[in-house]
Amino acid sequence: MHPIENWREGDQISDIYLCKGKVNAKTKAGKTYYSLTLQDRTGTGDGKVWDLSSGVDHFEAMQYIKVEGEVVRYQNNNQLNIRRVRVARSGEYDPADYVPVSPYPISDMFDELLGYIRSINHPKLRALLESFFVNDADFAREFKAHSAAKTVHHGFSGGLLQHTLRVTQLCDFYCTKYPLLNRDLLLTGAICHDIGKVKELSSFPENDYTDAGQLLGHIVIGCQMVAARCDEIPAFPEVTKNELCHLILSHHGQFEFGSPKKPALMEALALSFADDTDAKLELFGETITNNPSNGWLGMQKFLDSNIRRTETK
């Protein structure tokens, strides 16, 4: 097998991948070609079928396909120029090999998250978290398997759990340096801030936006989920519910980043910083890992900067 993360310029590839996306496009000269997004458990890669005249059988997105081609470099990224392609036959592949997975053990991360839940002193906030992560087996299973994004960062199975744990760890650290922070509220907000992504994005292998995800987005969905669960807990304080919902609604920090509210609580500001830190550092790390070049890696639009890896030894 040729894992996508190991593609190098000049590699001759003959392997099976999940066709995550297929677009019929045209060159400037008006010639039709296919632009593909290929996926295996190590990530996604760009594929192009320039010549549709021979060796190219019919296939559609979300099918497993056998491809033959050569890896080239285009705009500082690997691209597979495909000469031949056909639908893979039953028995030629294992679907489990085509779901990208967090590099960290899922069970270990979830156990650590449960440890943070047990450390919450506020009885109603702890009951809220337990209602999701301890008492709701279906939710817990979905949360552990879900991604945190379609493509930008943590776009792999276990990505939502990994991101949530990192944000919680950062928020817990903030509490040791800024004693005015309400730790119980902040950590509950950290654990719940992206909870809506279990409904915003479909499960693997699709990992695509659902209808609710397109119409509402994970911030609104998450607020609705948490508010509804708070209402099921007897005598849950209204002010605590509103403060927690505010943390969820404002965790992107700015209106232009999708938050319907800007942080108005110290805990909300801390959560927005932690979320932004983990998202951007993970994105930077994934960009470096997926690019073998030792020089400048080009413009990363989500970081709004031309980036490169550190060379200092």
C-alpha atoms as a PDB file:
ATOM      1  CA  MET A   1       0.000   0.000   0.000  1.00  0.00           C
ATOM      2  CA  HIS A   2       0.992   3.615  -0.559  1.00  0.00           C
ATOM      3  CA  PRO A   3      -0.374   5.726   2.337  1.00  0.00           C
ATOM      4  CA  ILE A   4      -1.268   9.222   1.195  1.00  0.00           C
ATOM      5  CA  GLU A   5       0.873  10.803   3.907  1.00  0.00           C
ATOM      6  CA  ASN A   6       3.914   9.051   2.372  1.00  0.00           C
ATOM      7  CA  TRP A   7       3.371  10.244  -1.216  1.00  0.00           C
ATOM      8  CA  ARG A   8       6.523  11.781  -2.678  1.00  0.00           C
ATOM      9  CA  GLU A   9       7.151  13.412  -6.036  1.00  0.00           C
ATOM     10  CA  GLY A  10       7.884  10.793  -8.683  1.00  0.00           C
ATOM     11  CA  ASP A  11       6.200   7.912  -6.834  1.00  0.00           C
ATOM     12  CA  GLN A  12       4.401   5.450  -9.114  1.00  0.00           C
ATOM     13  CA  ILE A  13       1.135   4.596  -7.370  1.00  0.00           C
ATOM     14  CA  SER A  14      -1.050   1.547  -7.901  1.00  0.00           C
ATOM     15  CA  ASP A  15      -3.456   1.328  -4.983  1.00  0.00           C
ATOM     16  CA  ILE A  16      -7.019   1.564  -3.726  1.00  0.00           C
ATOM     17  CA  TYR A  17      -8.407   4.715  -2.103  1.00  0.00           C
ATOM     18  CA  LEU A  18     -11.784   6.052  -1.093  1.00  0.00           C
ATOM     19  CA  CYS A  19     -12.963   8.636  -3.629  1.00  0.00           C
ATOM     20  CA  LYS A  20     -14.136  11.199  -1.091  1.00  0.00           C
ATOM     21  CA  GLY A  21     -15.030  13.758  -3.767  1.00  0.00           C
ATOM     22  CA  LYS A  22     -15.316  13.941  -7.555  1.00  0.00           C
ATOM     23  CA  VAL A  23     -15.709  17.125  -9.585  1.00  0.00           C
ATOM     24  CA  ASN A  24     -16.114  17.320 -13.352  1.00  0.00           C
ATOM     25  CA  ALA A  25     -14.047  20.326 -14.423  1.00  0.00           C
ATOM     26  CA  LYS A  26     -12.655  21.871 -17.592  1.00  0.00           C
ATOM     27  CA  THR A  27      -9.191  23.098 -18.501  1.00  0.00           C
ATOM     28  CA  LYS A  28      -8.695  26.571 -19.964  1.00  0.00           C
ATOM     29  CA  ALA A  29      -8.770  24.885 -23.359  1.00  0.00           C
ATOM     30  CA  GLY A  30     -12.216  23.455 -22.606  1.00  0.00           C
ATOM     31  CA  LYS A  31     -11.125  19.834 -22.086  1.00  0.00           C
ATOM     32  CA  THR A  32     -13.032  17.901 -19.403  1.00  0.00           C
ATOM     33  CA  TYR A  33     -11.103  16.291 -16.530  1.00  0.00           C
ATOM     34  CA  TYR A  34     -11.877  14.850 -13.092  1.00  0.00           C
ATOM     35  CA  SER A  35     -10.640  16.481  -9.897  1.00  0.00           C
ATOM     36  CA  LEU A  36     -10.705  13.946  -7.067  1.00  0.00           C
ATOM     37  CA  THR A  37     -10.257  13.977  -3.314  1.00  0.00           C
ATOM     38  CA  LEU A  38      -8.755  10.645  -2.299  1.00  0.00           C
ATOM     39  CA  GLN A  39      -8.709   9.343   1.259  1.00  0.00           C
ATOM     40  CA  ASP A  40      -7.115   6.616   3.343  1.00  0.00           C
ATOM     41  CA  ARG A  41      -6.528   6.365   7.096  1.00  0.00           C
ATOM     42  CA  THR A  42      -3.513   8.714   6.883  1.00  0.00           C
ATOM     43  CA  GLY A  43      -5.438  11.621   5.362  1.00  0.00           C
ATOM     44  CA  THR A  44      -6.615  13.008   2.039  1.00  0.00           C
ATOM     45  CA  GLY A  45      -4.866  13.746  -1.233  1.00  0.00           C
ATOM     46  CA  ASP A  46      -5.556  15.519  -4.506  1.00  0.00           C
ATOM     47  CA  GLY A  47      -6.042  13.422  -7.627  1.00  0.00           C
ATOM     48  CA  LYS A  48      -6.470  14.460 -11.269  1.00  0.00           C
ATOM     49  CA  VAL A  49      -7.668  12.389 -14.211  1.00  0.00           C
ATOM     50  CA  TRP A  50      -6.611  14.469 -17.201  1.00  0.00           C
ATOM     51  CA  ASP A  51      -7.275  11.975 -19.991  1.00  0.00           C
ATOM     52  CA  LEU A  52     -10.744  10.418 -19.981  1.00  0.00           C
ATOM     53  CA  SER A  53     -10.377   8.628 -23.299  1.00  0.00           C
ATOM     54  CA  SER A  54      -8.987   5.272 -22.152  1.00  0.00           C
ATOM     55  CA  GLY A  55      -8.337   3.263 -19.002  1.00  0.00           C
ATOM     56  CA  VAL A  56     -10.922   5.248 -17.039  1.00  0.00           C
ATOM     57  CA  ASP A  57     -13.995   3.278 -15.964  1.00  0.00           C
ATOM     58  CA  HIS A  58     -17.125   4.922 -14.585  1.00  0.00           C
ATOM     59  CA  PHE A  59     -17.071   5.647 -10.840  1.00  0.00           C
ATOM     60  CA  GLU A  60     -18.692   8.053  -8.402  1.00  0.00           C
ATOM     61  CA  ALA A  61     -17.811   9.849  -5.202  1.00  0.00           C
ATOM     62  CA  MET A  62     -17.839   7.684  -2.030  1.00  0.00           C
ATOM     63  CA  GLN A  63     -16.773   4.590  -3.953  1.00  0.00           C
ATOM     64  CA  TYR A  64     -13.511   2.752  -3.366  1.00  0.00           C
ATOM     65  CA  ILE A  65     -11.398   2.978  -6.531  1.00  0.00           C
ATOM     66  CA  LYS A  66      -8.233   1.346  -7.824  1.00  0.00           C
ATOM     67  CA  VAL A  67      -5.972   3.991  -9.355  1.00  0.00           C
ATOM     68  CA  GLU A  68      -2.665   3.996 -11.202  1.00  0.00           C
ATOM     69  CA  GLY A  69      -0.656   7.160 -11.642  1.00  0.00           C
ATOM     70  CA  GLU A  70       2.317   9.331 -10.688  1.00  0.00           C
ATOM     71  CA  VAL A  71       2.763  11.808  -7.852  1.00  0.00           C
ATOM     72  CA  VAL A  72       3.747  15.297  -8.982  1.00  0.00           C
ATOM     73  CA  ARG A  73       4.204  18.601  -7.149  1.00  0.00           C
ATOM     74  CA  TYR A  74       1.808  21.432  -7.867  1.00  0.00           C
ATOM     75  CA  GLN A  75       1.788  24.698  -5.905  1.00  0.00           C
ATOM     76  CA  ASN A  76       3.849  23.083  -3.121  1.00  0.00           C
ATOM     77  CA  ASN A  77       1.380  20.201  -2.708  1.00  0.00           C
ATOM     78  CA  ASN A  78       1.378  16.577  -3.801  1.00  0.00           C
ATOM     79  CA  GLN A  79      -0.991  15.676  -6.622  1.00  0.00           C
ATOM     80  CA  LEU A  80      -1.642  12.241  -8.111  1.00  0.00           C
ATOM     81  CA  ASN A  81      -1.937  12.335 -11.886  1.00  0.00           C
ATOM     82  CA  ILE A  82      -4.084   9.279 -12.611  1.00  0.00           C
ATOM     83  CA  ARG A  83      -3.729   7.269 -15.819  1.00  0.00           C
ATOM     84  CA  ARG A  84      -6.097   4.402 -15.028  1.00  0.00           C
ATOM     85  CA  VAL A  85      -8.995   4.030 -12.604  1.00  0.00           C
ATOM     86  CA  ARG A  86     -11.734   1.486 -11.880  1.00  0.00           C
ATOM     87  CA  VAL A  87     -14.127   0.693  -9.046  1.00  0.00           C
ATOM     88  CA  ALA A  88     -12.491  -1.619  -6.502  1.00  0.00           C
ATOM     89  CA  ARG A  89     -13.949  -5.104  -6.244  1.00  0.00           C
ATOM     90  CA  SER A  90     -15.389  -6.692  -3.124  1.00  0.00           C
ATOM     91  CA  GLY A  91     -12.621  -8.299  -1.083  1.00  0.00           C
ATOM     92  CA  GLU A  92      -9.902  -6.007  -2.453  1.00  0.00           C
ATOM     93  CA  TYR A  93     -10.102  -3.552   0.451  1.00  0.00           C
ATOM     94  CA  ASP A  94     -11.084  -3.146   4.106  1.00  0.00           C
ATOM     95  CA  PRO A  95     -13.193  -0.013   4.765  1.00  0.00           C
ATOM     96  CA  ALA A  96     -11.455   0.399   8.143  1.00  0.00           C
ATOM     97  CA  ASP A  97      -8.245   1.248   6.277  1.00  0.00           C
ATOM     98  CA  TYR A  98      -9.829   4.361   4.794  1.00  0.00           C
ATOM     99  CA  VAL A  99     -10.941   6.207   7.908  1.00  0.00           C
ATOM    100  CA  PRO A 100      -8.305   8.671   9.159  1.00  0.00           C
ATOM    101  CA  VAL A 101      -7.809   8.228  12.902  1.00  0.00           C
ATOM    102  CA  SER A 102      -6.277  10.311  15.682  1.00  0.00           C
ATOM    103  CA  PRO A 103      -2.656   9.331  16.435  1.00  0.00           C
ATOM    104  CA  TYR A 104      -3.561   9.141  20.134  1.00  0.00           C
ATOM    105  CA  PRO A 105      -5.439   6.204  21.718  1.00  0.00           C
ATOM    106  CA  ILE A 106      -9.158   6.995  21.818  1.00  0.00           C
ATOM    107  CA  SER A 107      -9.753   5.148  25.092  1.00  0.00           C
ATOM    108  CA  ASP A 108      -6.916   6.976  26.866  1.00  0.00           C
ATOM    109  CA  MET A 109      -8.172  10.392  25.738  1.00  0.00           C
ATOM    110  CA  PHE A 110     -11.737   9.615  26.771  1.00  0.00           C
ATOM    111  CA  ASP A 111     -10.613   8.359  30.185  1.00  0.00           C
ATOM    112  CA  GLU A 112      -8.701  11.611  30.717  1.00  0.00           C
ATOM    113  CA  LEU A 113     -11.772  13.631  29.712  1.00  0.00           C
ATOM    114  CA  LEU A 114     -13.852  11.651  32.211  1.00  0.00           C
ATOM    115  CA  GLY A 115     -11.258  12.524  34.851  1.00  0.00           C
ATOM    116  CA  TYR A 116     -11.867  16.214  34.205  1.00  0.00           C
ATOM    117  CA  ILE A 117     -15.621  15.616  34.524  1.00  0.00           C
ATOM    118  CA  ARG A 118     -15.109  13.935  37.918  1.00  0.00           C
ATOM    119  CA  SER A 119     -13.088  16.985  39.046  1.00  0.00           C
ATOM    120  CA  ILE A 120     -16.049  19.367  38.560  1.00  0.00           C
ATOM    121  CA  ASN A 121     -17.325  20.438  41.993  1.00  0.00           C
ATOM    122  CA  HIS A 122     -20.551  22.163  40.899  1.00  0.00           C
ATOM    123  CA  PRO A 123     -23.137  19.339  41.245  1.00  0.00           C
ATOM    124  CA  LYS A 124     -25.425  20.523  38.440  1.00  0.00           C
ATOM    125  CA  LEU A 125     -22.591  21.094  35.945  1.00  0.00           C
ATOM    126  CA  ARG A 126     -21.121  17.673  36.772  1.00  0.00           C
ATOM    127  CA  ALA A 127     -24.584  16.111  36.364  1.00  0.00           C
ATOM    128  CA  LEU A 128     -24.904  17.807  32.964  1.00  0.00           C
ATOM    129  CA  LEU A 129     -21.566  16.444  31.762  1.00  0.00           C
ATOM    130  CA  GLU A 130     -22.313  12.966  33.098  1.00  0.00           C
ATOM    131  CA  SER A 131     -25.664  12.988  31.325  1.00  0.00           C
ATOM    132  CA  PHE A 132     -23.798  13.238  28.006  1.00  0.00           C
ATOM    133  CA  PHE A 133     -20.503  11.431  28.503  1.00  0.00           C
ATOM    134  CA  VAL A 134     -21.324   8.809  31.155  1.00  0.00           C
ATOM    135  CA  ASN A 135     -25.031   8.022  30.972  1.00  0.00           C
ATOM    136  CA  ASP A 136     -25.654   8.424  27.225  1.00  0.00           C
ATOM    137  CA  ALA A 137     -23.831   5.518  25.587  1.00  0.00           C
ATOM    138  CA  ASP A 138     -24.962   6.396  22.059  1.00  0.00           C
ATOM    139  CA  PHE A 139     -23.735   9.976  22.384  1.00  0.00           C
ATOM    140  CA  ALA A 140     -20.405   8.911  23.922  1.00  0.00           C
ATOM    141  CA  ARG A 141     -19.783   6.401  21.133  1.00  0.00           C
ATOM    142  CA  GLU A 142     -20.552   9.006  18.464  1.00  0.00           C
ATOM    143  CA  PHE A 143     -18.455  11.677  20.191  1.00  0.00           C
ATOM    144  CA  LYS A 144     -15.387   9.391  20.383  1.00  0.00           C
ATOM    145  CA  ALA A 145     -15.607   8.459  16.692  1.00  0.00           C
ATOM    146  CA  HIS A 146     -16.382  11.926  15.304  1.00  0.00           C
ATOM    147  CA  SER A 147     -14.134  14.445  13.590  1.00  0.00           C
ATOM    148  CA  ALA A 148     -13.869  18.084  14.638  1.00  0.00           C
ATOM    149  CA  ALA A 149     -14.058  19.405  11.070  1.00  0.00           C
ATOM    150  CA  LYS A 150     -14.625  18.384   7.481  1.00  0.00           C
ATOM    151  CA  THR A 151     -11.175  19.457   6.254  1.00  0.00           C
ATOM    152  CA  VAL A 152      -9.544  22.330   8.172  1.00  0.00           C
ATOM    153  CA  HIS A 153      -8.218  20.758  11.394  1.00  0.00           C
ATOM    154  CA  HIS A 154      -8.794  17.539  13.359  1.00  0.00           C
ATOM    155  CA  GLY A 155     -10.641  16.130  10.333  1.00  0.00           C
ATOM    156  CA  PHE A 156     -10.224  12.506  11.431  1.00  0.00           C
ATOM    157  CA  SER A 157     -11.995   9.959  13.597  1.00  0.00           C
ATOM    158  CA  GLY A 158     -11.288  10.880  17.199  1.00  0.00           C
ATOM    159  CA  GLY A 159     -10.552  14.444  16.147  1.00  0.00           C
ATOM    160  CA  LEU A 160     -13.459  15.898  18.111  1.00  0.00           C
ATOM    161  CA  LEU A 161     -12.341  14.093  21.259  1.00  0.00           C
ATOM    162  CA  GLN A 162      -8.688  15.080  20.727  1.00  0.00           C
ATOM    163  CA  HIS A 163      -9.560  18.748  20.169  1.00  0.00           C
ATOM    164  CA  THR A 164     -11.969  18.846  23.116  1.00  0.00           C
ATOM    165  CA  LEU A 165      -9.379  17.315  25.437  1.00  0.00           C
ATOM    166  CA  ARG A 166      -6.652  19.743  24.330  1.00  0.00           C
ATOM    167  CA  VAL A 167      -8.957  22.740  24.819  1.00  0.00           C
ATOM    168  CA  THR A 168      -9.926  21.425  28.265  1.00  0.00           C
ATOM    169  CA  GLN A 169      -6.270  20.960  29.209  1.00  0.00           C
ATOM    170  CA  LEU A 170      -5.463  24.519  28.147  1.00  0.00           C
ATOM    171  CA  CYS A 171      -8.419  25.908  30.091  1.00  0.00           C
ATOM    172  CA  ASP A 172      -7.394  23.946  33.180  1.00  0.00           C
ATOM    173  CA  PHE A 173      -3.904  25.467  32.877  1.00  0.00           C
ATOM    174  CA  TYR A 174      -5.385  28.956  32.572  1.00  0.00           C
ATOM    175  CA  CYS A 175      -7.172  28.395  35.872  1.00  0.00           C
ATOM    176  CA  THR A 176      -3.852  27.827  37.651  1.00  0.00           C
ATOM    177  CA  LYS A 177      -2.568  31.221  36.452  1.00  0.00           C
ATOM    178  CA  TYR A 178      -5.750  33.317  36.616  1.00  0.00           C
ATOM    179  CA  PRO A 179      -7.577  32.545  39.890  1.00  0.00           C
ATOM    180  CA  LEU A 180     -10.558  34.766  38.994  1.00  0.00           C
ATOM    181  CA  LEU A 181     -11.624  32.151  36.437  1.00  0.00           C
ATOM    182  CA  ASN A 182     -14.518  29.935  37.484  1.00  0.00           C
ATOM    183  CA  ARG A 183     -12.927  26.544  36.823  1.00  0.00           C
ATOM    184  CA  ASP A 184     -16.155  24.525  36.959  1.00  0.00           C
ATOM    185  CA  LEU A 185     -17.875  26.778  34.424  1.00  0.00           C
ATOM    186  CA  LEU A 186     -14.834  27.095  32.149  1.00  0.00           C
ATOM    187  CA  LEU A 187     -14.065  23.376  32.004  1.00  0.00           C
ATOM    188  CA  THR A 188     -17.717  22.524  31.429  1.00  0.00           C
ATOM    189  CA  GLY A 189     -17.758  25.025  28.575  1.00  0.00           C
ATOM    190  CA  ALA A 190     -14.543  23.553  27.182  1.00  0.00           C
ATOM    191  CA  ILE A 191     -15.912  20.013  27.228  1.00  0.00           C
ATOM    192  CA  CYS A 192     -19.216  21.118  25.653  1.00  0.00           C
ATOM    193  CA  HIS A 193     -18.031  23.867  23.288  1.00  0.00           C
ATOM    194  CA  ASP A 194     -18.035  21.697  20.130  1.00  0.00           C
ATOM    195  CA  ILE A 195     -20.664  19.212  21.222  1.00  0.00           C
ATOM    196  CA  GLY A 196     -22.869  20.278  18.298  1.00  0.00           C
ATOM    197  CA  LYS A 197     -20.439  18.780  15.793  1.00  0.00           C
ATOM    198  CA  VAL A 198     -21.909  15.327  16.365  1.00  0.00           C
ATOM    199  CA  LYS A 199     -24.964  16.675  14.518  1.00  0.00           C
ATOM    200  CA  GLU A 200     -23.279  19.228  12.254  1.00  0.00           C
ATOM    201  CA  LEU A 201     -21.154  16.575  10.516  1.00  0.00           C
ATOM    202  CA  SER A 202     -22.108  13.104   9.372  1.00  0.00           C
ATOM    203  CA  SER A 203     -20.174  10.046  10.481  1.00  0.00           C
ATOM    204  CA  PHE A 204     -17.288   8.545   8.518  1.00  0.00           C
ATOM    205  CA  PRO A 205     -16.666   7.773   5.749  1.00  0.00           C
ATOM    206  CA  GLU A 206     -18.800  10.713   4.569  1.00  0.00           C
ATOM    207  CA  ASN A 207     -17.734  13.238   7.252  1.00  0.00           C
ATOM    208  CA  ASP A 208     -19.747  15.929   5.483  1.00  0.00           C
ATOM    209  CA  TYR A 209     -22.155  18.658   6.544  1.00  0.00           C
ATOM    210  CA  THR A 210     -25.635  17.499   7.435  1.00  0.00           C
ATOM    211  CA  ASP A 211     -28.732  19.518   6.608  1.00  0.00           C
ATOM    212  CA  ALA A 212     -28.819  20.801  10.201  1.00  0.00           C
ATOM    213  CA  GLY A 213     -25.122  21.583   9.961  1.00  0.00           C
ATOM    214  CA  GLN A 214     -25.647  23.697   6.864  1.00  0.00           C
ATOM    215  CA  LEU A 215     -28.685  25.521   8.234  1.00  0.00           C
ATOM    216  CA  LEU A 216     -27.668  26.032  11.864  1.00  0.00           C
ATOM    217  CA  GLY A 217     -23.981  25.185  12.404  1.00  0.00           C
ATOM    218  CA  HIS A 218     -22.397  23.490  15.401  1.00  0.00           C
ATOM    219  CA  ILE A 219     -22.424  26.553  17.656  1.00  0.00           C
ATOM    220  CA  VAL A 220     -26.210  26.947  17.586  1.00  0.00           C
ATOM    221  CA  ILE A 221     -26.778  23.182  17.613  1.00  0.00           C
ATOM    222  CA  GLY A 222     -24.476  22.788  20.613  1.00  0.00           C
ATOM    223  CA  CYS A 223     -26.234  25.558  22.513  1.00  0.00           C
ATOM    224  CA  GLN A 224     -29.594  23.906  21.836  1.00  0.00           C
ATOM    225  CA  MET A 225     -28.316  20.494  22.985  1.00  0.00           C
ATOM    226  CA  VAL A 226     -26.856  21.833  26.207  1.00  0.00           C
ATOM    227  CA  ALA A 227     -29.844  24.036  27.036  1.00  0.00           C
ATOM    228  CA  ALA A 228     -32.245  21.133  26.489  1.00  0.00           C
ATOM    229  CA  ARG A 229     -30.209  18.828  28.718  1.00  0.00           C
ATOM    230  CA  CYS A 230     -29.975  21.517  31.423  1.00  0.00           C
ATOM    231  CA  ASP A 231     -33.772  21.723  31.420  1.00  0.00           C
ATOM    232  CA  GLU A 232     -33.958  17.986  32.132  1.00  0.00           C
ATOM    233  CA  ILE A 233     -31.893  18.343  35.326  1.00  0.00           C
ATOM    234  CA  PRO A 234     -34.065  19.321  38.318  1.00  0.00           C
ATOM    235  CA  ALA A 235     -33.355  22.788  39.757  1.00  0.00           C
ATOM    236  CA  PHE A 236     -30.583  23.551  37.278  1.00  0.00           C
ATOM    237  CA  PRO A 237     -29.816  27.269  37.891  1.00  0.00           C
ATOM    238  CA  GLU A 238     -31.052  29.491  35.065  1.00  0.00           C
ATOM    239  CA  VAL A 239     -28.111  31.883  35.380  1.00  0.00           C
ATOM    240  CA  THR A 240     -25.640  28.981  35.154  1.00  0.00           C
ATOM    241  CA  LYS A 241     -27.402  27.669  32.056  1.00  0.00           C
ATOM    242  CA  ASN A 242     -27.228  31.102  30.423  1.00  0.00           C
ATOM    243  CA  GLU A 243     -23.548  31.549  31.279  1.00  0.00           C
ATOM    244  CA  LEU A 244     -22.688  28.111  29.904  1.00  0.00           C
ATOM    245  CA  CYS A 245     -24.674  28.749  26.726  1.00  0.00           C
ATOM    246  CA  HIS A 246     -22.850  32.065  26.364  1.00  0.00           C
ATOM    247  CA  LEU A 247     -19.505  30.243  26.444  1.00  0.00           C
ATOM    248  CA  ILE A 248     -20.684  27.988  23.609  1.00  0.00           C
ATOM    249  CA  LEU A 249     -22.154  30.830  21.554  1.00  0.00           C
ATOM    250  CA  SER A 250     -19.034  32.998  21.831  1.00  0.00           C
ATOM    251  CA  HIS A 251     -16.229  30.440  21.614  1.00  0.00           C
ATOM    252  CA  HIS A 252     -15.135  31.521  18.108  1.00  0.00           C
ATOM    253  CA  GLY A 253     -14.446  34.930  19.588  1.00  0.00           C
ATOM    254  CA  GLN A 254     -15.550  37.201  16.749  1.00  0.00           C
ATOM    255  CA  PHE A 255     -18.687  37.692  14.657  1.00  0.00           C
ATOM    256  CA  GLU A 256     -16.674  37.206  11.451  1.00  0.00           C
ATOM    257  CA  PHE A 257     -15.525  33.797  12.709  1.00  0.00           C
ATOM    258  CA  GLY A 258     -19.095  32.595  13.191  1.00  0.00           C
ATOM    259  CA  SER A 259     -19.838  33.435  16.812  1.00  0.00           C
ATOM    260  CA  PRO A 260     -23.298  34.961  17.289  1.00  0.00           C
ATOM    261  CA  LYS A 261     -21.991  36.582  20.492  1.00  0.00           C
ATOM    262  CA  LYS A 262     -18.602  38.020  21.478  1.00  0.00           C
ATOM    263  CA  PRO A 263     -17.136  36.946  24.828  1.00  0.00           C
ATOM    264  CA  ALA A 264     -18.719  38.866  27.689  1.00  0.00           C
ATOM    265  CA  LEU A 265     -17.419  36.655  30.507  1.00  0.00           C
ATOM    266  CA  MET A 266     -13.793  36.071  31.509  1.00  0.00           C
ATOM    267  CA  GLU A 267     -14.372  32.343  31.084  1.00  0.00           C
ATOM    268  CA  ALA A 268     -15.769  32.888  27.582  1.00  0.00           C
ATOM    269  CA  LEU A 269     -12.668  34.830  26.575  1.00  0.00           C
ATOM    270  CA  ALA A 270     -10.384  32.125  27.962  1.00  0.00           C
ATOM    271  CA  LEU A 271     -12.326  29.434  26.092  1.00  0.00           C
ATOM    272  CA  SER A 272     -12.096  31.339  22.798  1.00  0.00           C
ATOM    273  CA  PHE A 273      -8.310  31.640  23.227  1.00  0.00           C
ATOM    274  CA  ALA A 274      -7.912  27.932  24.007  1.00  0.00           C
ATOM    275  CA  ASP A 275     -10.085  26.894  21.062  1.00  0.00           C
ATOM    276  CA  ASP A 276      -8.187  29.154  18.661  1.00  0.00           C
ATOM    277  CA  THR A 277      -4.805  27.998  19.985  1.00  0.00           C
ATOM    278  CA  ASP A 278      -5.465  24.296  19.513  1.00  0.00           C
ATOM    279  CA  ALA A 279      -7.159  24.730  16.141  1.00  0.00           C
ATOM    280  CA  LYS A 280      -4.317  26.793  14.683  1.00  0.00           C
ATOM    281  CA  LEU A 281      -1.440  24.774  16.132  1.00  0.00           C
ATOM    282  CA  GLU A 282      -3.056  21.535  14.938  1.00  0.00           C
ATOM    283  CA  LEU A 283      -3.570  23.058  11.487  1.00  0.00           C
ATOM    284  CA  PHE A 284       0.064  24.200  11.388  1.00  0.00           C
ATOM    285  CA  GLY A 285       1.221  20.742  12.472  1.00  0.00           C
ATOM    286  CA  GLU A 286      -0.943  18.929   9.929  1.00  0.00           C
ATOM    287  CA  THR A 287       0.352  21.211   7.161  1.00  0.00           C
ATOM    288  CA  ILE A 288       3.959  20.414   8.096  1.00  0.00           C
ATOM    289  CA  THR A 289       3.303  16.683   8.455  1.00  0.00           C
ATOM    290  CA  ASN A 290       1.574  16.473   5.062  1.00  0.00           C
ATOM    291  CA  ASN A 291       4.333  18.401   3.289  1.00  0.00           C
ATOM    292  CA  PRO A 292       7.829  16.851   3.023  1.00  0.00           C
ATOM    293  CA  SER A 293       9.514  20.056   1.834  1.00  0.00           C
ATOM    294  CA  ASN A 294      12.148  21.627   4.077  1.00  0.00           C
ATOM    295  CA  GLY A 295      11.645  25.085   2.594  1.00  0.00           C
ATOM    296  CA  TRP A 296       8.776  27.499   2.666  1.00  0.00           C
ATOM    297  CA  LEU A 297       5.466  25.658   2.350  1.00  0.00           C
ATOM    298  CA  GLY A 298       3.486  28.440   0.719  1.00  0.00           C
ATOM    299  CA  MET A 299       0.520  30.504   1.824  1.00  0.00           C
ATOM    300  CA  GLN A 300      -1.750  28.848   4.393  1.00  0.00           C
ATOM    301  CA  LYS A 301      -5.015  30.725   3.956  1.00  0.00           C
ATOM    302  CA  PHE A 302      -6.469  29.825   7.346  1.00  0.00           C
ATOM    303  CA  LEU A 303      -3.325  31.086   9.063  1.00  0.00           C
ATOM    304  CA  ASP A 304      -3.037  34.013   6.636  1.00  0.00           C
ATOM    305  CA  SER A 305       0.712  33.504   6.342  1.00  0.00           C
ATOM    306  CA  ASN A 306       3.433  31.912   4.246  1.00  0.00           C
ATOM    307  CA  ILE A 307       4.811  29.211   6.560  1.00  0.00           C
ATOM    308  CA  ARG A 308       7.742  26.823   6.942  1.00  0.00           C
ATOM    309  CA  ARG A 309       8.976  24.280   9.454  1.00  0.00           C
ATOM    310  CA  THR A 310      11.590  25.177  12.069  1.00  0.00           C
ATOM    311  CA  GLU A 311      15.165  24.391  11.006  1.00  0.00           C
ATOM    312  CA  THR A 312      16.917  25.081  14.319  1.00  0.00           C
ATOM    313  CA  LYS A 313      18.395  21.910  15.803  1.00  0.00           C
END
